Amino acid sequence: MATTNAPQKGVPQELSGVVIGWKHQDISRNIQLTVQSTIASRPTPDAVDTHHLLMTRNQAMLLAQYLMRLTGQDAPAPRKRGWLQRLFG
Protein backbone atom coordinates (compact mmCIF):
# COMPACT_ATOMS: atom_id res chain seq x y z
CA MET A 1 0.00 0.00 0.00
CA ALA A 2 1.15 3.52 -0.62
CA THR A 3 2.67 5.21 2.37
CA THR A 4 1.21 8.38 3.73
CA ASN A 5 2.26 10.91 6.31
CA ALA A 6 0.27 10.95 9.54
CA PRO A 7 -3.10 12.41 8.52
CA GLN A 8 -3.97 15.74 10.06
CA LYS A 9 -7.35 17.34 9.77
CA GLY A 10 -7.52 19.84 6.91
CA VAL A 11 -4.04 18.95 5.58
CA PRO A 12 -3.76 17.09 2.25
CA GLN A 13 -2.08 13.67 2.40
CA GLU A 14 1.04 12.97 0.37
CA LEU A 15 1.30 9.45 -1.01
CA SER A 16 4.37 7.63 -2.30
CA GLY A 17 4.76 4.28 -4.01
CA VAL A 18 5.49 2.63 -7.35
CA VAL A 19 3.01 2.87 -10.22
CA ILE A 20 2.14 -0.62 -11.44
CA GLY A 21 -0.74 0.17 -13.77
CA TRP A 22 -3.14 2.75 -15.09
CA LYS A 23 -6.12 3.16 -17.36
CA HIS A 24 -8.23 6.05 -18.52
CA GLN A 25 -11.84 6.71 -19.39
CA ASP A 26 -13.36 9.62 -21.28
CA ILE A 27 -16.07 11.32 -19.25
CA SER A 28 -17.73 14.11 -21.20
CA ARG A 29 -15.06 16.82 -21.57
CA ASN A 30 -12.88 15.29 -18.83
CA ILE A 31 -10.67 12.24 -18.39
CA GLN A 32 -10.75 9.88 -15.44
CA LEU A 33 -7.29 8.46 -14.81
CA THR A 34 -7.15 5.38 -12.62
CA VAL A 35 -3.66 4.71 -11.23
CA GLN A 36 -2.64 1.60 -9.31
CA SER A 37 0.36 1.78 -6.99
CA THR A 38 2.06 -0.19 -4.25
CA ILE A 39 5.06 -0.10 -1.93
CA ALA A 40 5.40 -3.91 -1.81
CA SER A 41 8.26 -5.46 -3.80
CA ARG A 42 6.00 -8.40 -4.66
CA PRO A 43 2.51 -6.94 -4.63
CA THR A 44 -0.51 -9.03 -3.79
CA PRO A 45 -4.02 -7.85 -4.73
CA ASP A 46 -4.62 -6.48 -1.22
CA ALA A 47 -1.32 -4.52 -1.31
CA VAL A 48 -2.37 -2.48 -4.37
CA ASP A 49 -3.87 0.98 -3.91
CA THR A 50 -6.17 2.40 -6.59
CA HIS A 51 -6.43 6.16 -7.07
CA HIS A 52 -9.08 7.79 -9.25
CA LEU A 53 -8.12 11.18 -10.66
CA LEU A 54 -10.45 13.40 -12.67
CA MET A 55 -8.74 15.94 -14.92
CA THR A 56 -9.63 18.20 -17.78
CA ARG A 57 -8.35 17.34 -21.24
CA ASN A 58 -6.02 20.33 -21.00
CA GLN A 59 -4.52 19.00 -17.75
CA ALA A 60 -4.07 15.58 -19.37
CA MET A 61 -2.34 17.16 -22.38
CA LEU A 62 0.00 19.18 -20.15
CA LEU A 63 0.85 16.06 -18.13
CA ALA A 64 1.54 14.10 -21.32
CA GLN A 65 3.78 16.87 -22.70
CA TYR A 66 5.67 17.05 -19.42
CA LEU A 67 6.25 13.30 -19.32
CA MET A 68 7.34 13.23 -22.98
CA ARG A 69 9.82 16.04 -22.36
CA LEU A 70 11.06 14.40 -19.13
CA THR A 71 11.78 11.09 -20.89
CA GLY A 72 13.41 12.78 -23.88
CA GLN A 73 10.85 11.46 -26.35
CA ASP A 74 9.26 13.38 -29.20
CA ALA A 75 5.56 13.55 -29.87
CA PRO A 76 4.51 11.61 -32.97
CA ALA A 77 4.55 13.66 -36.17
CA PRO A 78 1.08 14.60 -37.43
CA ARG A 79 -0.13 12.52 -40.36
CA LYS A 80 -0.52 14.22 -43.69
CA ARG A 81 -4.09 14.62 -44.87
CA GLY A 82 -5.02 12.71 -48.00
CA TRP A 83 -6.20 14.52 -51.11
CA LEU A 84 -9.82 13.57 -50.41
CA GLN A 85 -9.71 15.12 -46.94
CA ARG A 86 -8.02 18.24 -48.28
CA LEU A 87 -10.67 18.55 -50.96
CA PHE A 88 -13.73 18.05 -48.71
CA GLY A 89 -12.38 19.46 -45.49
PDB file of N, CA and C in Angstrom:
ATOM      1  N   MET A   1       0.834  -1.167   0.000  1.00  0.00           N
ATOM      2  CA  MET A   1       0.000   0.000   0.000  1.00  0.00           C
ATOM      3  C   MET A   1       0.886   1.239   0.000  1.00  0.00           C
ATOM      4  N   ALA A   2       0.388   2.286  -0.583  1.00  0.00           N
ATOM      5  CA  ALA A   2       1.150   3.524  -0.622  1.00  0.00           C
ATOM      6  C   ALA A   2       1.293   4.078   0.787  1.00  0.00           C
ATOM      7  N   THR A   3       2.459   4.644   1.048  1.00  0.00           N
ATOM      8  CA  THR A   3       2.672   5.213   2.369  1.00  0.00           C
ATOM      9  C   THR A   3       2.124   6.623   2.396  1.00  0.00           C
ATOM     10  N   THR A   4       1.744   7.033   3.558  1.00  0.00           N
ATOM     11  CA  THR A   4       1.207   8.380   3.729  1.00  0.00           C
ATOM     12  C   THR A   4       1.731   8.953   5.028  1.00  0.00           C
ATOM     13  N   ASN A   5       1.895  10.250   5.063  1.00  0.00           N
ATOM     14  CA  ASN A   5       2.265  10.908   6.305  1.00  0.00           C
ATOM     15  C   ASN A   5       1.087  10.808   7.267  1.00  0.00           C
ATOM     16  N   ALA A   6       1.352  11.016   8.552  1.00  0.00           N
ATOM     17  CA  ALA A   6       0.268  10.954   9.535  1.00  0.00           C
ATOM     18  C   ALA A   6      -0.809  11.962   9.160  1.00  0.00           C
ATOM     19  N   PRO A   7      -2.049  11.495   8.943  1.00  0.00           N
ATOM     20  CA  PRO A   7      -3.100  12.415   8.518  1.00  0.00           C
ATOM     21  C   PRO A   7      -3.438  13.428   9.603  1.00  0.00           C
ATOM     22  N   GLN A   8      -3.538  14.674   9.177  1.00  0.00           N
ATOM     23  CA  GLN A   8      -3.966  15.743  10.060  1.00  0.00           C
ATOM     24  C   GLN A   8      -5.195  16.364   9.444  1.00  0.00           C
ATOM     25  N   LYS A   9      -6.100  16.781  10.270  1.00  0.00           N
ATOM     26  CA  LYS A   9      -7.351  17.342   9.770  1.00  0.00           C
ATOM     27  C   LYS A   9      -7.090  18.618   8.966  1.00  0.00           C
ATOM     28  N   GLY A  10      -7.645  18.662   7.752  1.00  0.00           N
ATOM     29  CA  GLY A  10      -7.516  19.837   6.906  1.00  0.00           C
ATOM     30  C   GLY A  10      -6.216  19.922   6.129  1.00  0.00           C
ATOM     31  N   VAL A  11      -5.317  18.941   6.289  1.00  0.00           N
ATOM     32  CA  VAL A  11      -4.040  18.955   5.579  1.00  0.00           C
ATOM     33  C   VAL A  11      -4.055  17.829   4.546  1.00  0.00           C
ATOM     34  N   PRO A  12      -3.755  18.132   3.270  1.00  0.00           N
ATOM     35  CA  PRO A  12      -3.759  17.086   2.253  1.00  0.00           C
ATOM     36  C   PRO A  12      -2.706  16.017   2.552  1.00  0.00           C
ATOM     37  N   GLN A  13      -3.016  14.778   2.190  1.00  0.00           N
ATOM     38  CA  GLN A  13      -2.081  13.675   2.401  1.00  0.00           C
ATOM     39  C   GLN A  13      -1.158  13.551   1.198  1.00  0.00           C
ATOM     40  N   GLU A  14       0.083  13.209   1.445  1.00  0.00           N
ATOM     41  CA  GLU A  14       1.045  12.970   0.375  1.00  0.00           C
ATOM     42  C   GLU A  14       1.319  11.476   0.325  1.00  0.00           C
ATOM     43  N   LEU A  15       1.113  10.884  -0.839  1.00  0.00           N
ATOM     44  CA  LEU A  15       1.299   9.450  -1.014  1.00  0.00           C
ATOM     45  C   LEU A  15       2.579   9.181  -1.786  1.00  0.00           C
ATOM     46  N   SER A  16       3.217   8.047  -1.509  1.00  0.00           N
ATOM     47  CA  SER A  16       4.368   7.626  -2.296  1.00  0.00           C
ATOM     48  C   SER A  16       4.254   6.137  -2.537  1.00  0.00           C
ATOM     49  N   GLY A  17       4.800   5.685  -3.637  1.00  0.00           N
ATOM     50  CA  GLY A  17       4.755   4.284  -4.010  1.00  0.00           C
ATOM     51  C   GLY A  17       5.214   4.127  -5.444  1.00  0.00           C
ATOM     52  N   VAL A  18       5.089   2.936  -5.984  1.00  0.00           N
ATOM     53  CA  VAL A  18       5.488   2.630  -7.347  1.00  0.00           C
ATOM     54  C   VAL A  18       4.233   2.396  -8.177  1.00  0.00           C
ATOM     55  N   VAL A  19       4.161   3.065  -9.331  1.00  0.00           N
ATOM     56  CA  VAL A  19       3.015   2.869 -10.222  1.00  0.00           C
ATOM     57  C   VAL A  19       3.156   1.506 -10.892  1.00  0.00           C
ATOM     58  N   ILE A  20       2.105   0.700 -10.809  1.00  0.00           N
ATOM     59  CA  ILE A  20       2.136  -0.622 -11.438  1.00  0.00           C
ATOM     60  C   ILE A  20       1.101  -0.761 -12.546  1.00  0.00           C
ATOM     61  N   GLY A  21       0.244   0.228 -12.695  1.00  0.00           N
ATOM     62  CA  GLY A  21      -0.736   0.165 -13.769  1.00  0.00           C
ATOM     63  C   GLY A  21      -1.609   1.405 -13.797  1.00  0.00           C
ATOM     64  N   TRP A  22      -2.213   1.630 -14.947  1.00  0.00           N
ATOM     65  CA  TRP A  22      -3.140   2.746 -15.086  1.00  0.00           C
ATOM     66  C   TRP A  22      -4.081   2.487 -16.241  1.00  0.00           C
ATOM     67  N   LYS A  23      -5.182   3.182 -16.246  1.00  0.00           N
ATOM     68  CA  LYS A  23      -6.121   3.161 -17.362  1.00  0.00           C
ATOM     69  C   LYS A  23      -6.853   4.492 -17.346  1.00  0.00           C
ATOM     70  N   HIS A  24      -7.510   4.792 -18.438  1.00  0.00           N
ATOM     71  CA  HIS A  24      -8.234   6.049 -18.522  1.00  0.00           C
ATOM     72  C   HIS A  24      -9.613   5.807 -19.115  1.00  0.00           C
ATOM     73  N   GLN A  25     -10.480   6.766 -18.865  1.00  0.00           N
ATOM     74  CA  GLN A  25     -11.843   6.710 -19.391  1.00  0.00           C
ATOM     75  C   GLN A  25     -12.287   8.132 -19.702  1.00  0.00           C
ATOM     76  N   ASP A  26     -12.819   8.322 -20.913  1.00  0.00           N
ATOM     77  CA  ASP A  26     -13.360   9.623 -21.279  1.00  0.00           C
ATOM     78  C   ASP A  26     -14.692   9.831 -20.572  1.00  0.00           C
ATOM     79  N   ILE A  27     -14.822  10.960 -19.919  1.00  0.00           N
ATOM     80  CA  ILE A  27     -16.067  11.321 -19.245  1.00  0.00           C
ATOM     81  C   ILE A  27     -16.423  12.729 -19.690  1.00  0.00           C
ATOM     82  N   SER A  28     -17.322  12.827 -20.655  1.00  0.00           N
ATOM     83  CA  SER A  28     -17.731  14.115 -21.201  1.00  0.00           C
ATOM     84  C   SER A  28     -16.502  14.869 -21.694  1.00  0.00           C
ATOM     85  N   ARG A  29     -16.224  16.040 -21.143  1.00  0.00           N
ATOM     86  CA  ARG A  29     -15.061  16.821 -21.567  1.00  0.00           C
ATOM     87  C   ARG A  29     -13.872  16.587 -20.642  1.00  0.00           C
ATOM     88  N   ASN A  30     -13.936  15.584 -19.796  1.00  0.00           N
ATOM     89  CA  ASN A  30     -12.880  15.287 -18.832  1.00  0.00           C
ATOM     90  C   ASN A  30     -12.326  13.882 -19.059  1.00  0.00           C
ATOM     91  N   ILE A  31     -11.279  13.570 -18.331  1.00  0.00           N
ATOM     92  CA  ILE A  31     -10.670  12.242 -18.390  1.00  0.00           C
ATOM     93  C   ILE A  31     -10.518  11.741 -16.965  1.00  0.00           C
ATOM     94  N   GLN A  32     -10.975  10.517 -16.729  1.00  0.00           N
ATOM     95  CA  GLN A  32     -10.753   9.884 -15.436  1.00  0.00           C
ATOM     96  C   GLN A  32      -9.534   8.989 -15.588  1.00  0.00           C
ATOM     97  N   LEU A  33      -8.504   9.257 -14.804  1.00  0.00           N
ATOM     98  CA  LEU A  33      -7.286   8.464 -14.812  1.00  0.00           C
ATOM     99  C   LEU A  33      -7.284   7.607 -13.560  1.00  0.00           C
ATOM    100  N   THR A  34      -7.211   6.304 -13.737  1.00  0.00           N
ATOM    101  CA  THR A  34      -7.148   5.377 -12.615  1.00  0.00           C
ATOM    102  C   THR A  34      -5.717   4.854 -12.534  1.00  0.00           C
ATOM    103  N   VAL A  35      -5.046   5.105 -11.416  1.00  0.00           N
ATOM    104  CA  VAL A  35      -3.657   4.712 -11.231  1.00  0.00           C
ATOM    105  C   VAL A  35      -3.586   3.696 -10.106  1.00  0.00           C
ATOM    106  N   GLN A  36      -2.863   2.609 -10.347  1.00  0.00           N
ATOM    107  CA  GLN A  36      -2.643   1.603  -9.312  1.00  0.00           C
ATOM    108  C   GLN A  36      -1.193   1.692  -8.858  1.00  0.00           C
ATOM    109  N   SER A  37      -0.992   1.668  -7.538  1.00  0.00           N
ATOM    110  CA  SER A  37       0.358   1.778  -6.991  1.00  0.00           C
ATOM    111  C   SER A  37       0.502   0.864  -5.789  1.00  0.00           C
ATOM    112  N   THR A  38       1.760   0.644  -5.407  1.00  0.00           N
ATOM    113  CA  THR A  38       2.058  -0.193  -4.253  1.00  0.00           C
ATOM    114  C   THR A  38       3.432   0.168  -3.710  1.00  0.00           C
ATOM    115  N   ILE A  39       3.710  -0.237  -2.471  1.00  0.00           N
ATOM    116  CA  ILE A  39       5.060  -0.103  -1.932  1.00  0.00           C
ATOM    117  C   ILE A  39       5.690  -1.477  -1.745  1.00  0.00           C
ATOM    118  N   ALA A  40       4.910  -2.535  -1.987  1.00  0.00           N
ATOM    119  CA  ALA A  40       5.398  -3.907  -1.814  1.00  0.00           C
ATOM    120  C   ALA A  40       6.285  -4.306  -2.990  1.00  0.00           C
ATOM    121  N   SER A  41       7.380  -5.013  -2.714  1.00  0.00           N
ATOM    122  CA  SER A  41       8.261  -5.456  -3.798  1.00  0.00           C
ATOM    123  C   SER A  41       7.619  -6.580  -4.611  1.00  0.00           C
ATOM    124  N   ARG A  42       6.782  -7.372  -3.976  1.00  0.00           N
ATOM    125  CA  ARG A  42       5.998  -8.403  -4.658  1.00  0.00           C
ATOM    126  C   ARG A  42       4.538  -8.199  -4.287  1.00  0.00           C
ATOM    127  N   PRO A  43       3.867  -7.322  -5.047  1.00  0.00           N
ATOM    128  CA  PRO A  43       2.511  -6.945  -4.635  1.00  0.00           C
ATOM    129  C   PRO A  43       1.498  -8.076  -4.744  1.00  0.00           C
ATOM    130  N   THR A  44       0.650  -8.145  -3.768  1.00  0.00           N
ATOM    131  CA  THR A  44      -0.509  -9.025  -3.790  1.00  0.00           C
ATOM    132  C   THR A  44      -1.717  -8.132  -4.037  1.00  0.00           C
ATOM    133  N   PRO A  45      -2.849  -8.695  -4.449  1.00  0.00           N
ATOM    134  CA  PRO A  45      -4.020  -7.850  -4.729  1.00  0.00           C
ATOM    135  C   PRO A  45      -4.420  -6.930  -3.585  1.00  0.00           C
ATOM    136  N   ASP A  46      -4.233  -7.349  -2.341  1.00  0.00           N
ATOM    137  CA  ASP A  46      -4.625  -6.482  -1.219  1.00  0.00           C
ATOM    138  C   ASP A  46      -3.547  -5.447  -0.879  1.00  0.00           C
ATOM    139  N   ALA A  47      -2.385  -5.501  -1.547  1.00  0.00           N
ATOM    140  CA  ALA A  47      -1.323  -4.518  -1.313  1.00  0.00           C
ATOM    141  C   ALA A  47      -1.303  -3.429  -2.389  1.00  0.00           C
ATOM    142  N   VAL A  48      -2.299  -3.442  -3.275  1.00  0.00           N
ATOM    143  CA  VAL A  48      -2.370  -2.478  -4.370  1.00  0.00           C
ATOM    144  C   VAL A  48      -3.394  -1.406  -4.037  1.00  0.00           C
ATOM    145  N   ASP A  49      -2.967  -0.152  -4.125  1.00  0.00           N
ATOM    146  CA  ASP A  49      -3.870   0.978  -3.913  1.00  0.00           C
ATOM    147  C   ASP A  49      -4.337   1.488  -5.266  1.00  0.00           C
ATOM    148  N   THR A  50      -5.604   1.851  -5.369  1.00  0.00           N
ATOM    149  CA  THR A  50      -6.170   2.401  -6.594  1.00  0.00           C
ATOM    150  C   THR A  50      -6.592   3.836  -6.326  1.00  0.00           C
ATOM    151  N   HIS A  51      -6.128   4.732  -7.201  1.00  0.00           N
ATOM    152  CA  HIS A  51      -6.425   6.157  -7.070  1.00  0.00           C
ATOM    153  C   HIS A  51      -7.169   6.608  -8.321  1.00  0.00           C
ATOM    154  N   HIS A  52      -8.287   7.277  -8.138  1.00  0.00           N
ATOM    155  CA  HIS A  52      -9.084   7.787  -9.250  1.00  0.00           C
ATOM    156  C   HIS A  52      -8.879   9.298  -9.322  1.00  0.00           C
ATOM    157  N   LEU A  53      -8.382   9.758 -10.461  1.00  0.00           N
ATOM    158  CA  LEU A  53      -8.116  11.180 -10.657  1.00  0.00           C
ATOM    159  C   LEU A  53      -8.956  11.685 -11.815  1.00  0.00           C
ATOM    160  N   LEU A  54      -9.653  12.780 -11.621  1.00  0.00           N
ATOM    161  CA  LEU A  54     -10.446  13.398 -12.672  1.00  0.00           C
ATOM    162  C   LEU A  54      -9.727  14.660 -13.111  1.00  0.00           C
ATOM    163  N   MET A  55      -9.451  14.762 -14.413  1.00  0.00           N
ATOM    164  CA  MET A  55      -8.743  15.938 -14.918  1.00  0.00           C
ATOM    165  C   MET A  55      -9.364  16.397 -16.223  1.00  0.00           C
ATOM    166  N   THR A  56      -9.152  17.676 -16.510  1.00  0.00           N
ATOM    167  CA  THR A  56      -9.628  18.204 -17.780  1.00  0.00           C
ATOM    168  C   THR A  56      -8.717  17.676 -18.884  1.00  0.00           C
ATOM    169  N   ARG A  57      -9.179  17.780 -20.116  1.00  0.00           N
ATOM    170  CA  ARG A  57      -8.353  17.342 -21.242  1.00  0.00           C
ATOM    171  C   ARG A  57      -7.092  18.198 -21.341  1.00  0.00           C
ATOM    172  N   ASN A  58      -7.187  19.467 -20.975  1.00  0.00           N
ATOM    173  CA  ASN A  58      -6.016  20.331 -21.001  1.00  0.00           C
ATOM    174  C   ASN A  58      -4.987  19.874 -19.969  1.00  0.00           C
ATOM    175  N   GLN A  59      -5.437  19.503 -18.770  1.00  0.00           N
ATOM    176  CA  GLN A  59      -4.520  19.000 -17.751  1.00  0.00           C
ATOM    177  C   GLN A  59      -3.853  17.712 -18.224  1.00  0.00           C
ATOM    178  N   ALA A  60      -4.621  16.833 -18.870  1.00  0.00           N
ATOM    179  CA  ALA A  60      -4.065  15.580 -19.371  1.00  0.00           C
ATOM    180  C   ALA A  60      -3.015  15.849 -20.448  1.00  0.00           C
ATOM    181  N   MET A  61      -3.287  16.821 -21.330  1.00  0.00           N
ATOM    182  CA  MET A  61      -2.339  17.162 -22.376  1.00  0.00           C
ATOM    183  C   MET A  61      -1.057  17.737 -21.785  1.00  0.00           C
ATOM    184  N   LEU A  62      -1.178  18.615 -20.786  1.00  0.00           N
ATOM    185  CA  LEU A  62       0.001  19.183 -20.146  1.00  0.00           C
ATOM    186  C   LEU A  62       0.819  18.108 -19.437  1.00  0.00           C
ATOM    187  N   LEU A  63       0.157  17.165 -18.784  1.00  0.00           N
ATOM    188  CA  LEU A  63       0.854  16.058 -18.129  1.00  0.00           C
ATOM    189  C   LEU A  63       1.576  15.194 -19.158  1.00  0.00           C
ATOM    190  N   ALA A  64       0.920  14.905 -20.267  1.00  0.00           N
ATOM    191  CA  ALA A  64       1.539  14.101 -21.324  1.00  0.00           C
ATOM    192  C   ALA A  64       2.756  14.811 -21.903  1.00  0.00           C
ATOM    193  N   GLN A  65       2.641  16.114 -22.169  1.00  0.00           N
ATOM    194  CA  GLN A  65       3.780  16.873 -22.698  1.00  0.00           C
ATOM    195  C   GLN A  65       4.939  16.882 -21.716  1.00  0.00           C
ATOM    196  N   TYR A  66       4.635  17.043 -20.441  1.00  0.00           N
ATOM    197  CA  TYR A  66       5.673  17.047 -19.417  1.00  0.00           C
ATOM    198  C   TYR A  66       6.395  15.703 -19.368  1.00  0.00           C
ATOM    199  N   LEU A  67       5.635  14.620 -19.377  1.00  0.00           N
ATOM    200  CA  LEU A  67       6.248  13.296 -19.318  1.00  0.00           C
ATOM    201  C   LEU A  67       7.063  12.993 -20.575  1.00  0.00           C
ATOM    202  N   MET A  68       6.580  13.424 -21.736  1.00  0.00           N
ATOM    203  CA  MET A  68       7.335  13.228 -22.981  1.00  0.00           C
ATOM    204  C   MET A  68       8.658  13.988 -22.913  1.00  0.00           C
ATOM    205  N   ARG A  69       8.614  15.229 -22.454  1.00  0.00           N
ATOM    206  CA  ARG A  69       9.824  16.036 -22.357  1.00  0.00           C
ATOM    207  C   ARG A  69      10.783  15.440 -21.324  1.00  0.00           C
ATOM    208  N   LEU A  70      10.247  14.969 -20.203  1.00  0.00           N
ATOM    209  CA  LEU A  70      11.059  14.405 -19.130  1.00  0.00           C
ATOM    210  C   LEU A  70      11.801  13.147 -19.584  1.00  0.00           C
ATOM    211  N   THR A  71      11.165  12.336 -20.412  1.00  0.00           N
ATOM    212  CA  THR A  71      11.776  11.094 -20.886  1.00  0.00           C
ATOM    213  C   THR A  71      12.610  11.287 -22.145  1.00  0.00           C
ATOM    214  N   GLY A  72      12.614  12.507 -22.699  1.00  0.00           N
ATOM    215  CA  GLY A  72      13.406  12.779 -23.882  1.00  0.00           C
ATOM    216  C   GLY A  72      12.791  12.265 -25.172  1.00  0.00           C
ATOM    217  N   GLN A  73      11.516  11.973 -25.153  1.00  0.00           N
ATOM    218  CA  GLN A  73      10.850  11.464 -26.347  1.00  0.00           C
ATOM    219  C   GLN A  73      10.158  12.602 -27.079  1.00  0.00           C
ATOM    220  N   ASP A  74       9.971  12.406 -28.376  1.00  0.00           N
ATOM    221  CA  ASP A  74       9.261  13.380 -29.195  1.00  0.00           C
ATOM    222  C   ASP A  74       7.834  12.914 -29.423  1.00  0.00           C
ATOM    223  N   ALA A  75       6.948  13.878 -29.533  1.00  0.00           N
ATOM    224  CA  ALA A  75       5.558  13.553 -29.869  1.00  0.00           C
ATOM    225  C   ALA A  75       5.519  13.023 -31.295  1.00  0.00           C
ATOM    226  N   PRO A  76       4.596  12.122 -31.602  1.00  0.00           N
ATOM    227  CA  PRO A  76       4.513  11.606 -32.968  1.00  0.00           C
ATOM    228  C   PRO A  76       4.192  12.734 -33.951  1.00  0.00           C
ATOM    229  N   ALA A  77       4.792  12.642 -35.145  1.00  0.00           N
ATOM    230  CA  ALA A  77       4.550  13.655 -36.172  1.00  0.00           C
ATOM    231  C   ALA A  77       3.117  13.536 -36.665  1.00  0.00           C
ATOM    232  N   PRO A  78       2.458  14.669 -36.925  1.00  0.00           N
ATOM    233  CA  PRO A  78       1.080  14.601 -37.431  1.00  0.00           C
ATOM    234  C   PRO A  78       1.050  13.960 -38.819  1.00  0.00           C
ATOM    235  N   ARG A  79       0.020  13.188 -39.061  1.00  0.00           N
ATOM    236  CA  ARG A  79      -0.131  12.519 -40.358  1.00  0.00           C
ATOM    237  C   ARG A  79      -0.584  13.526 -41.394  1.00  0.00           C
ATOM    238  N   LYS A  80      -0.092  13.350 -42.602  1.00  0.00           N
ATOM    239  CA  LYS A  80      -0.521  14.224 -43.695  1.00  0.00           C
ATOM    240  C   LYS A  80      -1.929  13.843 -44.106  1.00  0.00           C
ATOM    241  N   ARG A  81      -2.722  14.859 -44.424  1.00  0.00           N
ATOM    242  CA  ARG A  81      -4.095  14.619 -44.867  1.00  0.00           C
ATOM    243  C   ARG A  81      -4.071  14.156 -46.316  1.00  0.00           C
ATOM    244  N   GLY A  82      -4.901  13.199 -46.628  1.00  0.00           N
ATOM    245  CA  GLY A  82      -5.021  12.712 -47.996  1.00  0.00           C
ATOM    246  C   GLY A  82      -5.695  13.742 -48.885  1.00  0.00           C
ATOM    247  N   TRP A  83      -5.639  13.530 -50.179  1.00  0.00           N
ATOM    248  CA  TRP A  83      -6.205  14.516 -51.107  1.00  0.00           C
ATOM    249  C   TRP A  83      -7.712  14.631 -50.945  1.00  0.00           C
ATOM    250  N   LEU A  84      -8.377  13.542 -50.599  1.00  0.00           N
ATOM    251  CA  LEU A  84      -9.822  13.570 -50.414  1.00  0.00           C
ATOM    252  C   LEU A  84     -10.188  14.438 -49.196  1.00  0.00           C
ATOM    253  N   GLN A  85      -9.453  14.303 -48.125  1.00  0.00           N
ATOM    254  CA  GLN A  85      -9.710  15.123 -46.939  1.00  0.00           C
ATOM    255  C   GLN A  85      -9.392  16.588 -47.203  1.00  0.00           C
ATOM    256  N   ARG A  86      -8.336  16.852 -47.943  1.00  0.00           N
ATOM    257  CA  ARG A  86      -8.020  18.242 -48.280  1.00  0.00           C
ATOM    258  C   ARG A  86      -9.089  18.870 -49.148  1.00  0.00           C
ATOM    259  N   LEU A  87      -9.663  18.054 -50.036  1.00  0.00           N
ATOM    260  CA  LEU A  87     -10.667  18.554 -50.958  1.00  0.00           C
ATOM    261  C   LEU A  87     -12.010  18.829 -50.261  1.00  0.00           C
ATOM    262  N   PHE A  88     -12.431  17.915 -49.364  1.00  0.00           N
ATOM    263  CA  PHE A  88     -13.734  18.046 -48.709  1.00  0.00           C
ATOM    264  C   PHE A  88     -13.661  18.507 -47.258  1.00  0.00           C
ATOM    265  N   GLY A  89     -12.485  18.823 -46.787  1.00  0.00           N
ATOM    266  CA  GLY A  89     -12.380  19.461 -45.494  1.00  0.00           C
ATOM    267  C   GLY A  89     -12.114  18.644 -44.326  1.00  0.00           C
TER     268      GLY A  89
END
